[in-house]
C-alpha atoms as a PDB file:
ATOM      1  CA  MET A   1     155.705  37.035 159.849  1.00  0.00           C
ATOM      2  CA  ASN A   2     154.059  40.050 161.494  1.00  0.00           C
ATOM      3  CA  ILE A   3     155.748  41.175 164.671  1.00  0.00           C
ATOM      4  CA  ILE A   4     153.059  43.737 165.446  1.00  0.00           C
ATOM      5  CA  ASP A   5     149.625  44.468 164.027  1.00  0.00           C
ATOM      6  CA  GLY A   6     150.046  46.526 160.882  1.00  0.00           C
ATOM      7  CA  ALA A   7     153.679  45.500 160.354  1.00  0.00           C
ATOM      8  CA  GLN A   8     153.075  45.226 156.605  1.00  0.00           C
ATOM      9  CA  GLN A   9     152.758  49.039 156.534  1.00  0.00           C
ATOM     10  CA  PHE A  10     156.399  49.478 157.550  1.00  0.00           C
ATOM     11  CA  VAL A  11     158.955  50.192 154.835  1.00  0.00           C
ATOM     12  CA  GLY A  12     162.670  49.468 154.799  1.00  0.00           C
ATOM     13  CA  ASP A  13     164.595  46.876 156.765  1.00  0.00           C
ATOM     14  CA  PHE A  14     162.396  46.715 159.848  1.00  0.00           C
ATOM     15  CA  LEU A  15     162.811  42.950 160.263  1.00  0.00           C
ATOM     16  CA  ASP A  16     166.518  42.750 159.455  1.00  0.00           C
ATOM     17  CA  MET A  17     169.057  43.457 162.171  1.00  0.00           C
ATOM     18  CA  ASP A  18     172.137  44.811 160.447  1.00  0.00           C
ATOM     19  CA  ASP A  19     174.843  47.440 160.754  1.00  0.00           C
ATOM     20  CA  ILE A  20     173.233  49.761 158.190  1.00  0.00           C
ATOM     21  CA  PRO A  21     171.117  52.415 159.959  1.00  0.00           C
ATOM     22  CA  ASP A  22     169.305  53.566 156.798  1.00  0.00           C
ATOM     23  CA  ASP A  23     167.030  56.529 157.427  1.00  0.00           C
ATOM     24  CA  LYS A  24     163.942  56.094 155.231  1.00  0.00           C
ATOM     25  CA  VAL A  25     162.367  59.294 156.599  1.00  0.00           C
ATOM     26  CA  GLY A  26     165.512  61.441 156.347  1.00  0.00           C
ATOM     27  CA  HIS A  27     165.052  63.407 159.564  1.00  0.00           C
ATOM     28  CA  GLY A  28     167.832  61.725 161.540  1.00  0.00           C
ATOM     29  CA  THR A  29     170.257  62.121 158.653  1.00  0.00           C
ATOM     30  CA  HIS A  30     169.292  65.790 158.303  1.00  0.00           C
ATOM     31  CA  VAL A  31     169.845  66.475 162.011  1.00  0.00           C
ATOM     32  CA  ALA A  32     173.171  64.594 161.988  1.00  0.00           C
ATOM     33  CA  GLY A  33     174.260  66.856 159.125  1.00  0.00           C
ATOM     34  CA  ILE A  34     173.355  69.986 161.081  1.00  0.00           C
ATOM     35  CA  ILE A  35     175.370  68.706 164.031  1.00  0.00           C
ATOM     36  CA  GLY A  36     178.465  67.242 162.400  1.00  0.00           C
ATOM     37  CA  SER A  37     178.868  68.708 158.918  1.00  0.00           C
ATOM     38  CA  LYS A  38     182.500  69.368 157.974  1.00  0.00           C
ATOM     39  CA  GLY A  39     181.379  72.100 155.598  1.00  0.00           C
ATOM     40  CA  HIS A  40     181.953  70.291 152.301  1.00  0.00           C
ATOM     41  CA  LYS A  41     179.362  71.692 149.862  1.00  0.00           C
ATOM     42  CA  MET A  42     177.210  72.747 152.831  1.00  0.00           C
ATOM     43  CA  PRO A  43     177.521  74.980 155.900  1.00  0.00           C
ATOM     44  CA  ILE A  44     179.714  73.820 158.786  1.00  0.00           C
ATOM     45  CA  GLY A  45     177.772  72.008 161.498  1.00  0.00           C
ATOM     46  CA  VAL A  46     177.552  73.064 165.134  1.00  0.00           C
ATOM     47  CA  ALA A  47     180.137  70.412 166.147  1.00  0.00           C
ATOM     48  CA  PRO A  48     182.133  69.517 163.020  1.00  0.00           C
ATOM     49  CA  ASN A  49     184.791  67.585 164.962  1.00  0.00           C
ATOM     50  CA  CYS A  50     182.350  65.331 166.788  1.00  0.00           C
ATOM     51  CA  THR A  51     181.999  61.607 166.263  1.00  0.00           C
ATOM     52  CA  ILE A  52     178.448  60.505 165.477  1.00  0.00           C
ATOM     53  CA  ILE A  53     177.275  57.099 166.668  1.00  0.00           C
ATOM     54  CA  PRO A  54     174.311  56.344 164.366  1.00  0.00           C
ATOM     55  CA  ILE A  55     171.678  54.446 166.334  1.00  0.00           C
ATOM     56  CA  LYS A  56     168.427  53.624 164.593  1.00  0.00           C
ATOM     57  CA  VAL A  57     165.529  53.301 167.041  1.00  0.00           C
ATOM     58  CA  LEU A  58     162.586  53.891 164.713  1.00  0.00           C
ATOM     59  CA  GLY A  59     161.411  52.237 161.564  1.00  0.00           C
ATOM     60  CA  ALA A  60     159.441  53.906 158.817  1.00  0.00           C
ATOM     61  CA  LEU A  61     155.730  53.522 158.265  1.00  0.00           C
ATOM     62  CA  ASN A  62     153.476  54.445 155.360  1.00  0.00           C
ATOM     63  CA  ALA A  63     150.780  56.654 156.852  1.00  0.00           C
ATOM     64  CA  ASN A  64     148.251  58.131 154.434  1.00  0.00           C
ATOM     65  CA  GLY A  65     150.799  58.150 151.617  1.00  0.00           C
ATOM     66  CA  LYS A  66     153.554  59.744 153.707  1.00  0.00           C
ATOM     67  CA  VAL A  67     156.573  57.949 155.179  1.00  0.00           C
ATOM     68  CA  VAL A  68     156.868  58.703 158.905  1.00  0.00           C
ATOM     69  CA  GLY A  69     159.012  57.394 161.741  1.00  0.00           C
ATOM     70  CA  ALA A  70     157.359  54.760 163.923  1.00  0.00           C
ATOM     71  CA  GLY A  71     158.456  52.290 166.524  1.00  0.00           C
ATOM     72  CA  LEU A  72     158.280  51.000 170.058  1.00  0.00           C
ATOM     73  CA  ILE A  73     159.171  52.708 173.339  1.00  0.00           C
ATOM     74  CA  ASP A  74     161.377  49.767 174.334  1.00  0.00           C
ATOM     75  CA  ASP A  75     163.465  50.217 171.166  1.00  0.00           C
ATOM     76  CA  ILE A  76     163.978  53.902 171.938  1.00  0.00           C
ATOM     77  CA  ASN A  77     164.984  53.097 175.529  1.00  0.00           C
ATOM     78  CA  SER A  78     167.391  50.390 174.334  1.00  0.00           C
ATOM     79  CA  GLY A  79     168.945  52.845 171.870  1.00  0.00           C
ATOM     80  CA  ILE A  80     169.480  55.451 174.587  1.00  0.00           C
ATOM     81  CA  LYS A  81     171.113  52.882 176.892  1.00  0.00           C
ATOM     82  CA  TYR A  82     173.266  51.608 174.014  1.00  0.00           C
ATOM     83  CA  ALA A  83     174.498  55.151 173.304  1.00  0.00           C
ATOM     84  CA  VAL A  84     175.403  55.687 176.976  1.00  0.00           C
ATOM     85  CA  ASP A  85     177.183  52.328 177.167  1.00  0.00           C
ATOM     86  CA  LYS A  86     179.142  53.133 173.955  1.00  0.00           C
ATOM     87  CA  GLY A  87     180.482  56.327 175.540  1.00  0.00           C
ATOM     88  CA  ALA A  88     178.275  59.045 174.057  1.00  0.00           C
ATOM     89  CA  ASP A  89     178.776  62.483 175.614  1.00  0.00           C
ATOM     90  CA  VAL A  90     175.599  63.893 174.050  1.00  0.00           C
ATOM     91  CA  ILE A  91     172.444  62.130 172.918  1.00  0.00           C
ATOM     92  CA  ASN A  92     170.279  64.069 170.492  1.00  0.00           C
ATOM     93  CA  MET A  93     166.832  62.842 169.564  1.00  0.00           C
ATOM     94  CA  SER A  94     163.671  64.296 168.171  1.00  0.00           C
ATOM     95  CA  LEU A  95     160.684  62.032 168.297  1.00  0.00           C
ATOM     96  CA  GLY A  96     157.187  61.868 169.615  1.00  0.00           C
ATOM     97  CA  ILE A  97     154.994  59.091 170.893  1.00  0.00           C
ATOM     98  CA  LYS A  98     151.346  58.478 171.528  1.00  0.00           C
ATOM     99  CA  HIS A  99     151.278  58.055 175.298  1.00  0.00           C
ATOM    100  CA  THR A 100     148.212  57.803 177.464  1.00  0.00           C
ATOM    101  CA  GLY A 101     148.251  57.324 181.200  1.00  0.00           C
ATOM    102  CA  GLY A 102     150.958  55.882 183.385  1.00  0.00           C
ATOM    103  CA  GLY A 103     154.414  57.238 184.080  1.00  0.00           C
ATOM    104  CA  LEU A 104     156.890  58.871 181.783  1.00  0.00           C
ATOM    105  CA  PRO A 105     157.989  56.281 179.204  1.00  0.00           C
ATOM    106  CA  HIS A 106     161.712  57.194 179.077  1.00  0.00           C
ATOM    107  CA  ARG A 107     162.220  58.336 182.680  1.00  0.00           C
ATOM    108  CA  ASP A 108     164.509  55.532 183.892  1.00  0.00           C
ATOM    109  CA  VAL A 109     166.779  55.455 180.856  1.00  0.00           C
ATOM    110  CA  ILE A 110     167.104  59.262 180.761  1.00  0.00           C
ATOM    111  CA  LYS A 111     168.063  59.151 184.436  1.00  0.00           C
ATOM    112  CA  TYR A 112     170.627  56.464 183.537  1.00  0.00           C
ATOM    113  CA  ALA A 113     172.087  58.762 180.869  1.00  0.00           C
ATOM    114  CA  LEU A 114     172.207  61.767 183.197  1.00  0.00           C
ATOM    115  CA  ASP A 115     173.728  59.666 186.007  1.00  0.00           C
ATOM    116  CA  ASN A 116     176.503  58.780 183.529  1.00  0.00           C
ATOM    117  CA  ASP A 117     177.161  62.467 182.737  1.00  0.00           C
ATOM    118  CA  VAL A 118     175.567  62.294 179.296  1.00  0.00           C
ATOM    119  CA  THR A 119     173.800  65.424 178.056  1.00  0.00           C
ATOM    120  CA  VAL A 120     170.404  64.576 176.581  1.00  0.00           C
ATOM    121  CA  VAL A 121     168.959  66.948 173.986  1.00  0.00           C
ATOM    122  CA  ALA A 122     165.393  66.089 173.092  1.00  0.00           C
ATOM    123  CA  ALA A 123     162.887  67.844 170.904  1.00  0.00           C
ATOM    124  CA  SER A 124     159.249  66.881 170.910  1.00  0.00           C
ATOM    125  CA  VAL A 125     156.311  68.357 169.085  1.00  0.00           C
ATOM    126  CA  THR A 126     152.777  68.173 170.377  1.00  0.00           C
ATOM    127  CA  MET A 127     150.059  69.059 167.907  1.00  0.00           C
ATOM    128  CA  VAL A 128     146.739  70.221 169.279  1.00  0.00           C
ATOM    129  CA  LYS A 129     143.902  68.946 167.102  1.00  0.00           C
ATOM    130  CA  LYS A 130     141.566  71.381 165.347  1.00  0.00           C
ATOM    131  CA  THR A 131     143.858  74.355 165.917  1.00  0.00           C
ATOM    132  CA  ASN A 132     146.966  75.817 164.347  1.00  0.00           C
ATOM    133  CA  ILE A 133     148.898  75.543 167.618  1.00  0.00           C
ATOM    134  CA  ILE A 134     152.094  73.494 167.688  1.00  0.00           C
ATOM    135  CA  LEU A 135     153.906  73.274 171.001  1.00  0.00           C
ATOM    136  CA  VAL A 136     157.635  72.622 170.813  1.00  0.00           C
ATOM    137  CA  LEU A 137     158.915  71.402 174.164  1.00  0.00           C
END
C-alpha cells in the first residue's frame, strides 16, 4: 500500500506505528546527545539532567543515494502538540520544508506551545541555489 506518491522510496518503519522512534538519518539522535549527554565516553551535554521525550515526526527517504529526513507538515504539527500535551518545557527541532505560498505552516501549533509556556528552539537552513550561500535562521 502506498500512502503517498513515492512511498516506496522511504526506508525504515514508516508504515508501522510503534513505540520505537528509530532515527534512520541520525540527526535527531545526535542533537539529543548534545542536549542531554551525561558525559559517559563523551562530553557532557548542555542539559545533562533533562528528560528527553523522543518524538519522531519525520521518516527517512532515499534521495540520490543519501538517506534524508522527509515527512508531512501535519505530522510535524501533531508531534509539537503531543510534546506540549506531554508536559515538555522545551521543544527542540531542526527541519526544513518545501513551502510555497499560503501562510506559515506551523504558526498555530507554535502559538499553542508558546501559550502553554513552552520554549520552542528551531533551526532551519535555507539553501540558495547556484551559490555557496547557506542561511541559518
